[in-house]
Amino acid sequence: MSEYFNLAKQLENLGKKWSFFILMSLFSNETLGFNDIKNMVTPISSRTLAIRLKDLEKFGLITRGVLLEFPKKVEYKLTESGKKFIDFSINFFDVRQ
């Protein structure tokens, strides 16, 4: 039963506004910084973007990496699960047409 609950929570998270657009922007690029994603997913607010990124990371669809430079830079990229989800979505919904 708990596995169904986890799946339901993941689907609920993916259905939230902007989540799919964030994943698609990362699918189109190897890695992106916070502001890069914000500029691609306009008119998302910084607060909403930060929340969605944390949720997507929590569910294992993206990773967050901190680069050791000054000033500190954070980059996001899709995990293998995230790539599989986007591939599935593109094929299932035939988004390219």
PDB file of N, CA and C in Angstrom:
ATOM      1  N   MET A   1       0.821  -1.198   0.000  1.00  0.00           N
ATOM      2  CA  MET A   1       0.000   0.000   0.000  1.00  0.00           C
ATOM      3  C   MET A   1       0.863   1.259   0.000  1.00  0.00           C
ATOM      4  N   SER A   2       1.996   1.233   0.724  1.00  0.00           N
ATOM      5  CA  SER A   2       2.839   2.424   0.795  1.00  0.00           C
ATOM      6  C   SER A   2       3.464   2.752  -0.556  1.00  0.00           C
ATOM      7  N   GLU A   3       3.721   1.737  -1.392  1.00  0.00           N
ATOM      8  CA  GLU A   3       4.277   2.034  -2.713  1.00  0.00           C
ATOM      9  C   GLU A   3       3.272   2.788  -3.577  1.00  0.00           C
ATOM     10  N   TYR A   4       1.986   2.499  -3.411  1.00  0.00           N
ATOM     11  CA  TYR A   4       0.963   3.242  -4.142  1.00  0.00           C
ATOM     12  C   TYR A   4       0.862   4.671  -3.631  1.00  0.00           C
ATOM     13  N   PHE A   5       1.016   4.830  -2.325  1.00  0.00           N
ATOM     14  CA  PHE A   5       1.002   6.166  -1.740  1.00  0.00           C
ATOM     15  C   PHE A   5       2.169   6.986  -2.289  1.00  0.00           C
ATOM     16  N   ASN A   6       3.363   6.382  -2.344  1.00  0.00           N
ATOM     17  CA  ASN A   6       4.536   7.079  -2.891  1.00  0.00           C
ATOM     18  C   ASN A   6       4.325   7.456  -4.347  1.00  0.00           C
ATOM     19  N   LEU A   7       3.772   6.552  -5.135  1.00  0.00           N
ATOM     20  CA  LEU A   7       3.497   6.843  -6.542  1.00  0.00           C
ATOM     21  C   LEU A   7       2.481   7.978  -6.659  1.00  0.00           C
ATOM     22  N   ALA A   8       1.448   7.934  -5.834  1.00  0.00           N
ATOM     23  CA  ALA A   8       0.435   8.997  -5.863  1.00  0.00           C
ATOM     24  C   ALA A   8       1.043  10.342  -5.508  1.00  0.00           C
ATOM     25  N   LYS A   9       1.942  10.371  -4.520  1.00  0.00           N
ATOM     26  CA  LYS A   9       2.603  11.618  -4.133  1.00  0.00           C
ATOM     27  C   LYS A   9       3.484  12.136  -5.271  1.00  0.00           C
ATOM     28  N   GLN A  10       4.189  11.248  -5.954  1.00  0.00           N
ATOM     29  CA  GLN A  10       5.031  11.669  -7.076  1.00  0.00           C
ATOM     30  C   GLN A  10       4.176  12.252  -8.198  1.00  0.00           C
ATOM     31  N   LEU A  11       3.088  11.587  -8.528  1.00  0.00           N
ATOM     32  CA  LEU A  11       2.210  12.093  -9.585  1.00  0.00           C
ATOM     33  C   LEU A  11       1.584  13.424  -9.202  1.00  0.00           C
ATOM     34  N   GLU A  12       1.231  13.563  -7.929  1.00  0.00           N
ATOM     35  CA  GLU A  12       0.692  14.832  -7.450  1.00  0.00           C
ATOM     36  C   GLU A  12       1.733  15.946  -7.614  1.00  0.00           C
ATOM     37  N   ASN A  13       2.968  15.662  -7.262  1.00  0.00           N
ATOM     38  CA  ASN A  13       4.046  16.646  -7.382  1.00  0.00           C
ATOM     39  C   ASN A  13       4.285  17.022  -8.841  1.00  0.00           C
ATOM     40  N   LEU A  14       4.286  16.042  -9.722  1.00  0.00           N
ATOM     41  CA  LEU A  14       4.522  16.315 -11.140  1.00  0.00           C
ATOM     42  C   LEU A  14       3.385  17.100 -11.767  1.00  0.00           C
ATOM     43  N   GLY A  15       2.208  16.993 -11.184  1.00  0.00           N
ATOM     44  CA  GLY A  15       1.068  17.733 -11.699  1.00  0.00           C
ATOM     45  C   GLY A  15       1.011  19.183 -11.241  1.00  0.00           C
ATOM     46  N   LYS A  16       1.895  19.547 -10.327  1.00  0.00           N
ATOM     47  CA  LYS A  16       1.897  20.930  -9.857  1.00  0.00           C
ATOM     48  C   LYS A  16       2.374  21.858 -10.961  1.00  0.00           C
ATOM     49  N   LYS A  17       1.844  23.057 -10.935  1.00  0.00           N
ATOM     50  CA  LYS A  17       2.173  24.053 -11.945  1.00  0.00           C
ATOM     51  C   LYS A  17       3.686  24.235 -12.028  1.00  0.00           C
ATOM     52  N   TRP A  18       4.210  24.250 -13.231  1.00  0.00           N
ATOM     53  CA  TRP A  18       5.599  24.496 -13.593  1.00  0.00           C
ATOM     54  C   TRP A  18       6.520  23.274 -13.519  1.00  0.00           C
ATOM     55  N   SER A  19       6.151  22.222 -12.801  1.00  0.00           N
ATOM     56  CA  SER A  19       7.070  21.088 -12.646  1.00  0.00           C
ATOM     57  C   SER A  19       7.488  20.496 -13.984  1.00  0.00           C
ATOM     58  N   PHE A  20       6.515  20.255 -14.855  1.00  0.00           N
ATOM     59  CA  PHE A  20       6.843  19.655 -16.150  1.00  0.00           C
ATOM     60  C   PHE A  20       7.708  20.590 -16.986  1.00  0.00           C
ATOM     61  N   PHE A  21       7.452  21.883 -16.944  1.00  0.00           N
ATOM     62  CA  PHE A  21       8.247  22.847 -17.706  1.00  0.00           C
ATOM     63  C   PHE A  21       9.694  22.894 -17.210  1.00  0.00           C
ATOM     64  N   ILE A  22       9.868  22.765 -15.910  1.00  0.00           N
ATOM     65  CA  ILE A  22      11.221  22.727 -15.347  1.00  0.00           C
ATOM     66  C   ILE A  22      11.948  21.487 -15.853  1.00  0.00           C
ATOM     67  N   LEU A  23      11.268  20.338 -15.811  1.00  0.00           N
ATOM     68  CA  LEU A  23      11.888  19.107 -16.298  1.00  0.00           C
ATOM     69  C   LEU A  23      12.221  19.196 -17.782  1.00  0.00           C
ATOM     70  N   MET A  24      11.329  19.780 -18.556  1.00  0.00           N
ATOM     71  CA  MET A  24      11.590  19.914 -19.997  1.00  0.00           C
ATOM     72  C   MET A  24      12.761  20.846 -20.274  1.00  0.00           C
ATOM     73  N   SER A  25      12.905  21.909 -19.497  1.00  0.00           N
ATOM     74  CA  SER A  25      14.038  22.813 -19.709  1.00  0.00           C
ATOM     75  C   SER A  25      15.345  22.092 -19.389  1.00  0.00           C
ATOM     76  N   LEU A  26      15.344  21.235 -18.372  1.00  0.00           N
ATOM     77  CA  LEU A  26      16.546  20.462 -18.053  1.00  0.00           C
ATOM     78  C   LEU A  26      16.789  19.347 -19.065  1.00  0.00           C
ATOM     79  N   PHE A  27      15.724  18.835 -19.655  1.00  0.00           N
ATOM     80  CA  PHE A  27      15.858  17.805 -20.691  1.00  0.00           C
ATOM     81  C   PHE A  27      16.528  18.380 -21.934  1.00  0.00           C
ATOM     82  N   SER A  28      16.245  19.644 -22.210  1.00  0.00           N
ATOM     83  CA  SER A  28      16.798  20.309 -23.399  1.00  0.00           C
ATOM     84  C   SER A  28      18.245  20.752 -23.207  1.00  0.00           C
ATOM     85  N   ASN A  29      18.726  20.746 -21.974  1.00  0.00           N
ATOM     86  CA  ASN A  29      20.079  21.214 -21.660  1.00  0.00           C
ATOM     87  C   ASN A  29      20.718  20.230 -20.688  1.00  0.00           C
ATOM     88  N   GLU A  30      22.029  20.119 -20.750  1.00  0.00           N
ATOM     89  CA  GLU A  30      22.740  19.200 -19.849  1.00  0.00           C
ATOM     90  C   GLU A  30      22.578  19.626 -18.390  1.00  0.00           C
ATOM     91  N   THR A  31      22.969  20.844 -18.091  1.00  0.00           N
ATOM     92  CA  THR A  31      22.821  21.394 -16.746  1.00  0.00           C
ATOM     93  C   THR A  31      22.385  22.850 -16.865  1.00  0.00           C
ATOM     94  N   LEU A  32      21.676  23.297 -15.851  1.00  0.00           N
ATOM     95  CA  LEU A  32      21.231  24.689 -15.815  1.00  0.00           C
ATOM     96  C   LEU A  32      21.334  25.224 -14.395  1.00  0.00           C
ATOM     97  N   GLY A  33      21.644  26.499 -14.292  1.00  0.00           N
ATOM     98  CA  GLY A  33      21.620  27.183 -13.011  1.00  0.00           C
ATOM     99  C   GLY A  33      20.206  27.660 -12.703  1.00  0.00           C
ATOM    100  N   PHE A  34      20.011  28.111 -11.483  1.00  0.00           N
ATOM    101  CA  PHE A  34      18.701  28.579 -11.030  1.00  0.00           C
ATOM    102  C   PHE A  34      18.148  29.662 -11.949  1.00  0.00           C
ATOM    103  N   ASN A  35      18.953  30.689 -12.218  1.00  0.00           N
ATOM    104  CA  ASN A  35      18.471  31.798 -13.050  1.00  0.00           C
ATOM    105  C   ASN A  35      18.249  31.380 -14.495  1.00  0.00           C
ATOM    106  N   ASP A  36      19.026  30.420 -14.985  1.00  0.00           N
ATOM    107  CA  ASP A  36      18.794  29.907 -16.339  1.00  0.00           C
ATOM    108  C   ASP A  36      17.406  29.277 -16.433  1.00  0.00           C
ATOM    109  N   ILE A  37      17.073  28.458 -15.430  1.00  0.00           N
ATOM    110  CA  ILE A  37      15.752  27.818 -15.415  1.00  0.00           C
ATOM    111  C   ILE A  37      14.664  28.878 -15.284  1.00  0.00           C
ATOM    112  N   LYS A  38      14.885  29.842 -14.400  1.00  0.00           N
ATOM    113  CA  LYS A  38      13.894  30.903 -14.190  1.00  0.00           C
ATOM    114  C   LYS A  38      13.619  31.669 -15.484  1.00  0.00           C
ATOM    115  N   ASN A  39      14.666  31.933 -16.252  1.00  0.00           N
ATOM    116  CA  ASN A  39      14.495  32.646 -17.515  1.00  0.00           C
ATOM    117  C   ASN A  39      13.790  31.807 -18.568  1.00  0.00           C
ATOM    118  N   MET A  40      13.967  30.489 -18.513  1.00  0.00           N
ATOM    119  CA  MET A  40      13.324  29.609 -19.486  1.00  0.00           C
ATOM    120  C   MET A  40      11.871  29.319 -19.133  1.00  0.00           C
ATOM    121  N   VAL A  41      11.555  29.330 -17.847  1.00  0.00           N
ATOM    122  CA  VAL A  41      10.214  29.009 -17.376  1.00  0.00           C
ATOM    123  C   VAL A  41       9.548  30.298 -16.886  1.00  0.00           C
ATOM    124  N   THR A  42       9.382  31.217 -17.775  1.00  0.00           N
ATOM    125  CA  THR A  42       8.797  32.507 -17.448  1.00  0.00           C
ATOM    126  C   THR A  42       7.279  32.370 -17.463  1.00  0.00           C
ATOM    127  N   PRO A  43       6.555  32.938 -16.582  1.00  0.00           N
ATOM    128  CA  PRO A  43       6.821  33.926 -15.546  1.00  0.00           C
ATOM    129  C   PRO A  43       6.856  33.331 -14.134  1.00  0.00           C
ATOM    130  N   ILE A  44       7.515  32.217 -13.926  1.00  0.00           N
ATOM    131  CA  ILE A  44       7.592  31.584 -12.608  1.00  0.00           C
ATOM    132  C   ILE A  44       8.311  32.516 -11.622  1.00  0.00           C
ATOM    133  N   SER A  45       7.844  32.528 -10.384  1.00  0.00           N
ATOM    134  CA  SER A  45       8.507  33.347  -9.365  1.00  0.00           C
ATOM    135  C   SER A  45       9.697  32.573  -8.788  1.00  0.00           C
ATOM    136  N   SER A  46      10.639  33.284  -8.217  1.00  0.00           N
ATOM    137  CA  SER A  46      11.815  32.648  -7.612  1.00  0.00           C
ATOM    138  C   SER A  46      11.401  31.707  -6.486  1.00  0.00           C
ATOM    139  N   ARG A  47      10.436  32.122  -5.701  1.00  0.00           N
ATOM    140  CA  ARG A  47       9.976  31.288  -4.579  1.00  0.00           C
ATOM    141  C   ARG A  47       9.376  29.979  -5.083  1.00  0.00           C
ATOM    142  N   THR A  48       8.504  30.062  -6.077  1.00  0.00           N
ATOM    143  CA  THR A  48       7.873  28.860  -6.620  1.00  0.00           C
ATOM    144  C   THR A  48       8.918  27.952  -7.259  1.00  0.00           C
ATOM    145  N   LEU A  49       9.848  28.533  -7.988  1.00  0.00           N
ATOM    146  CA  LEU A  49      10.904  27.731  -8.614  1.00  0.00           C
ATOM    147  C   LEU A  49      11.711  26.989  -7.556  1.00  0.00           C
ATOM    148  N   ALA A  50      12.082  27.667  -6.487  1.00  0.00           N
ATOM    149  CA  ALA A  50      12.861  27.027  -5.422  1.00  0.00           C
ATOM    150  C   ALA A  50      12.088  25.857  -4.807  1.00  0.00           C
ATOM    151  N   ILE A  51      10.800  26.035  -4.601  1.00  0.00           N
ATOM    152  CA  ILE A  51       9.963  24.969  -4.034  1.00  0.00           C
ATOM    153  C   ILE A  51       9.874  23.790  -4.989  1.00  0.00           C
ATOM    154  N   ARG A  52       9.620  24.072  -6.267  1.00  0.00           N
ATOM    155  CA  ARG A  52       9.495  22.990  -7.253  1.00  0.00           C
ATOM    156  C   ARG A  52      10.822  22.235  -7.414  1.00  0.00           C
ATOM    157  N   LEU A  53      11.937  22.948  -7.419  1.00  0.00           N
ATOM    158  CA  LEU A  53      13.233  22.289  -7.541  1.00  0.00           C
ATOM    159  C   LEU A  53      13.487  21.370  -6.350  1.00  0.00           C
ATOM    160  N   LYS A  54      13.146  21.810  -5.162  1.00  0.00           N
ATOM    161  CA  LYS A  54      13.316  20.961  -3.967  1.00  0.00           C
ATOM    162  C   LYS A  54      12.437  19.716  -4.067  1.00  0.00           C
ATOM    163  N   ASP A  55      11.200  19.894  -4.513  1.00  0.00           N
ATOM    164  CA  ASP A  55      10.292  18.747  -4.656  1.00  0.00           C
ATOM    165  C   ASP A  55      10.813  17.757  -5.695  1.00  0.00           C
ATOM    166  N   LEU A  56      11.249  18.265  -6.840  1.00  0.00           N
ATOM    167  CA  LEU A  56      11.753  17.389  -7.896  1.00  0.00           C
ATOM    168  C   LEU A  56      13.018  16.661  -7.463  1.00  0.00           C
ATOM    169  N   GLU A  57      13.848  17.326  -6.679  1.00  0.00           N
ATOM    170  CA  GLU A  57      15.049  16.685  -6.141  1.00  0.00           C
ATOM    171  C   GLU A  57      14.658  15.614  -5.119  1.00  0.00           C
ATOM    172  N   LYS A  58      13.701  15.929  -4.278  1.00  0.00           N
ATOM    173  CA  LYS A  58      13.236  14.989  -3.248  1.00  0.00           C
ATOM    174  C   LYS A  58      12.722  13.692  -3.867  1.00  0.00           C
ATOM    175  N   PHE A  59      12.056  13.798  -5.014  1.00  0.00           N
ATOM    176  CA  PHE A  59      11.512  12.620  -5.685  1.00  0.00           C
ATOM    177  C   PHE A  59      12.497  11.979  -6.662  1.00  0.00           C
ATOM    178  N   GLY A  60      13.727  12.464  -6.668  1.00  0.00           N
ATOM    179  CA  GLY A  60      14.776  11.807  -7.439  1.00  0.00           C
ATOM    180  C   GLY A  60      14.759  12.053  -8.931  1.00  0.00           C
ATOM    181  N   LEU A  61      14.092  13.123  -9.369  1.00  0.00           N
ATOM    182  CA  LEU A  61      14.036  13.412 -10.803  1.00  0.00           C
ATOM    183  C   LEU A  61      15.140  14.360 -11.246  1.00  0.00           C
ATOM    184  N   ILE A  62      15.675  15.143 -10.324  1.00  0.00           N
ATOM    185  CA  ILE A  62      16.789  16.042 -10.634  1.00  0.00           C
ATOM    186  C   ILE A  62      17.823  15.958  -9.517  1.00  0.00           C
ATOM    187  N   THR A  63      19.025  16.397  -9.843  1.00  0.00           N
ATOM    188  CA  THR A  63      20.063  16.523  -8.819  1.00  0.00           C
ATOM    189  C   THR A  63      20.508  17.970  -8.762  1.00  0.00           C
ATOM    190  N   ARG A  64      20.969  18.341  -7.583  1.00  0.00           N
ATOM    191  CA  ARG A  64      21.454  19.697  -7.335  1.00  0.00           C
ATOM    192  C   ARG A  64      22.924  19.581  -6.989  1.00  0.00           C
ATOM    193  N   GLY A  65      23.755  20.291  -7.726  1.00  0.00           N
ATOM    194  CA  GLY A  65      25.184  20.266  -7.456  1.00  0.00           C
ATOM    195  C   GLY A  65      25.704  21.663  -7.184  1.00  0.00           C
ATOM    196  N   VAL A  66      26.538  21.782  -6.161  1.00  0.00           N
ATOM    197  CA  VAL A  66      27.139  23.063  -5.815  1.00  0.00           C
ATOM    198  C   VAL A  66      28.573  23.055  -6.325  1.00  0.00           C
ATOM    199  N   LEU A  67      28.900  24.020  -7.180  1.00  0.00           N
ATOM    200  CA  LEU A  67      30.245  24.116  -7.735  1.00  0.00           C
ATOM    201  C   LEU A  67      31.140  24.891  -6.778  1.00  0.00           C
ATOM    202  N   LEU A  68      32.362  24.442  -6.660  1.00  0.00           N
ATOM    203  CA  LEU A  68      33.315  25.077  -5.749  1.00  0.00           C
ATOM    204  C   LEU A  68      33.998  26.247  -6.442  1.00  0.00           C
ATOM    205  N   GLU A  69      33.277  27.305  -6.582  1.00  0.00           N
ATOM    206  CA  GLU A  69      33.828  28.532  -7.149  1.00  0.00           C
ATOM    207  C   GLU A  69      33.260  29.707  -6.372  1.00  0.00           C
ATOM    208  N   PHE A  70      33.817  30.859  -6.617  1.00  0.00           N
ATOM    209  CA  PHE A  70      33.319  32.056  -5.945  1.00  0.00           C
ATOM    210  C   PHE A  70      32.848  33.037  -6.992  1.00  0.00           C
ATOM    211  N   PRO A  71      31.654  33.523  -6.926  1.00  0.00           N
ATOM    212  CA  PRO A  71      30.633  33.175  -5.950  1.00  0.00           C
ATOM    213  C   PRO A  71      30.104  31.763  -6.192  1.00  0.00           C
ATOM    214  N   LYS A  72      29.528  31.181  -5.151  1.00  0.00           N
ATOM    215  CA  LYS A  72      28.998  29.820  -5.213  1.00  0.00           C
ATOM    216  C   LYS A  72      27.981  29.711  -6.345  1.00  0.00           C
ATOM    217  N   LYS A  73      28.061  28.631  -7.106  1.00  0.00           N
ATOM    218  CA  LYS A  73      27.124  28.416  -8.198  1.00  0.00           C
ATOM    219  C   LYS A  73      26.462  27.052  -8.023  1.00  0.00           C
ATOM    220  N   VAL A  74      25.169  27.022  -8.230  1.00  0.00           N
ATOM    221  CA  VAL A  74      24.392  25.788  -8.115  1.00  0.00           C
ATOM    222  C   VAL A  74      23.900  25.407  -9.496  1.00  0.00           C
ATOM    223  N   GLU A  75      24.050  24.128  -9.836  1.00  0.00           N
ATOM    224  CA  GLU A  75      23.556  23.627 -11.114  1.00  0.00           C
ATOM    225  C   GLU A  75      22.609  22.456 -10.883  1.00  0.00           C
ATOM    226  N   TYR A  76      21.630  22.367 -11.748  1.00  0.00           N
ATOM    227  CA  TYR A  76      20.638  21.298 -11.688  1.00  0.00           C
ATOM    228  C   TYR A  76      20.716  20.489 -12.964  1.00  0.00           C
ATOM    229  N   LYS A  77      20.474  19.175 -12.835  1.00  0.00           N
ATOM    230  CA  LYS A  77      20.383  18.328 -14.019  1.00  0.00           C
ATOM    231  C   LYS A  77      19.453  17.167 -13.739  1.00  0.00           C
ATOM    232  N   LEU A  78      18.971  16.561 -14.808  1.00  0.00           N
ATOM    233  CA  LEU A  78      18.068  15.430 -14.674  1.00  0.00           C
ATOM    234  C   LEU A  78      18.828  14.194 -14.222  1.00  0.00           C
ATOM    235  N   THR A  79      18.188  13.389 -13.395  1.00  0.00           N
ATOM    236  CA  THR A  79      18.711  12.068 -13.060  1.00  0.00           C
ATOM    237  C   THR A  79      18.274  11.108 -14.170  1.00  0.00           C
ATOM    238  N   GLU A  80      18.716   9.876 -14.091  1.00  0.00           N
ATOM    239  CA  GLU A  80      18.272   8.875 -15.075  1.00  0.00           C
ATOM    240  C   GLU A  80      16.758   8.687 -14.982  1.00  0.00           C
ATOM    241  N   SER A  81      16.221   8.705 -13.763  1.00  0.00           N
ATOM    242  CA  SER A  81      14.760   8.592 -13.596  1.00  0.00           C
ATOM    243  C   SER A  81      14.042   9.764 -14.242  1.00  0.00           C
ATOM    244  N   GLY A  82      14.598  10.948 -14.092  1.00  0.00           N
ATOM    245  CA  GLY A  82      14.016  12.129 -14.716  1.00  0.00           C
ATOM    246  C   GLY A  82      14.030  12.039 -16.235  1.00  0.00           C
ATOM    247  N   LYS A  83      15.147  11.552 -16.789  1.00  0.00           N
ATOM    248  CA  LYS A  83      15.241  11.385 -18.244  1.00  0.00           C
ATOM    249  C   LYS A  83      14.228  10.357 -18.741  1.00  0.00           C
ATOM    250  N   LYS A  84      14.086   9.257 -18.007  1.00  0.00           N
ATOM    251  CA  LYS A  84      13.116   8.227 -18.395  1.00  0.00           C
ATOM    252  C   LYS A  84      11.697   8.771 -18.340  1.00  0.00           C
ATOM    253  N   PHE A  85      11.408   9.569 -17.316  1.00  0.00           N
ATOM    254  CA  PHE A  85      10.072  10.152 -17.202  1.00  0.00           C
ATOM    255  C   PHE A  85       9.766  11.055 -18.386  1.00  0.00           C
ATOM    256  N   ILE A  86      10.721  11.908 -18.749  1.00  0.00           N
ATOM    257  CA  ILE A  86      10.502  12.816 -19.885  1.00  0.00           C
ATOM    258  C   ILE A  86      10.384  12.033 -21.184  1.00  0.00           C
ATOM    259  N   ASP A  87      11.250  11.038 -21.391  1.00  0.00           N
ATOM    260  CA  ASP A  87      11.147  10.192 -22.594  1.00  0.00           C
ATOM    261  C   ASP A  87       9.771   9.538 -22.676  1.00  0.00           C
ATOM    262  N   PHE A  88       9.331   8.990 -21.545  1.00  0.00           N
ATOM    263  CA  PHE A  88       8.012   8.362 -21.504  1.00  0.00           C
ATOM    264  C   PHE A  88       6.922   9.377 -21.842  1.00  0.00           C
ATOM    265  N   SER A  89       6.993  10.557 -21.245  1.00  0.00           N
ATOM    266  CA  SER A  89       5.972  11.588 -21.468  1.00  0.00           C
ATOM    267  C   SER A  89       5.927  12.018 -22.921  1.00  0.00           C
ATOM    268  N   ILE A  90       7.091  12.217 -23.522  1.00  0.00           N
ATOM    269  CA  ILE A  90       7.149  12.638 -24.924  1.00  0.00           C
ATOM    270  C   ILE A  90       6.531  11.577 -25.821  1.00  0.00           C
ATOM    271  N   ASN A  91       6.876  10.320 -25.558  1.00  0.00           N
ATOM    272  CA  ASN A  91       6.319   9.234 -26.385  1.00  0.00           C
ATOM    273  C   ASN A  91       4.837   8.992 -26.114  1.00  0.00           C
ATOM    274  N   PHE A  92       4.448   9.032 -24.845  1.00  0.00           N
ATOM    275  CA  PHE A  92       3.059   8.749 -24.480  1.00  0.00           C
ATOM    276  C   PHE A  92       2.116   9.819 -25.005  1.00  0.00           C
ATOM    277  N   PHE A  93       2.492  11.071 -24.834  1.00  0.00           N
ATOM    278  CA  PHE A  93       1.614  12.158 -25.245  1.00  0.00           C
ATOM    279  C   PHE A  93       1.920  12.657 -26.652  1.00  0.00           C
ATOM    280  N   ASP A  94       2.953  12.095 -27.265  1.00  0.00           N
ATOM    281  CA  ASP A  94       3.380  12.479 -28.619  1.00  0.00           C
ATOM    282  C   ASP A  94       3.486  13.989 -28.723  1.00  0.00           C
ATOM    283  N   VAL A  95       4.275  14.583 -27.824  1.00  0.00           N
ATOM    284  CA  VAL A  95       4.405  16.026 -27.672  1.00  0.00           C
ATOM    285  C   VAL A  95       5.021  16.687 -28.895  1.00  0.00           C
ATOM    286  N   ARG A  96       5.834  15.996 -29.631  1.00  0.00           N
ATOM    287  CA  ARG A  96       6.582  16.625 -30.732  1.00  0.00           C
ATOM    288  C   ARG A  96       5.711  17.028 -31.909  1.00  0.00           C
ATOM    289  N   GLN A  97       4.492  16.536 -31.994  1.00  0.00           N
ATOM    290  CA  GLN A  97       3.667  16.876 -33.153  1.00  0.00           C
ATOM    291  C   GLN A  97       2.842  18.092 -32.920  1.00  0.00           C
TER     292      GLN A  97
END
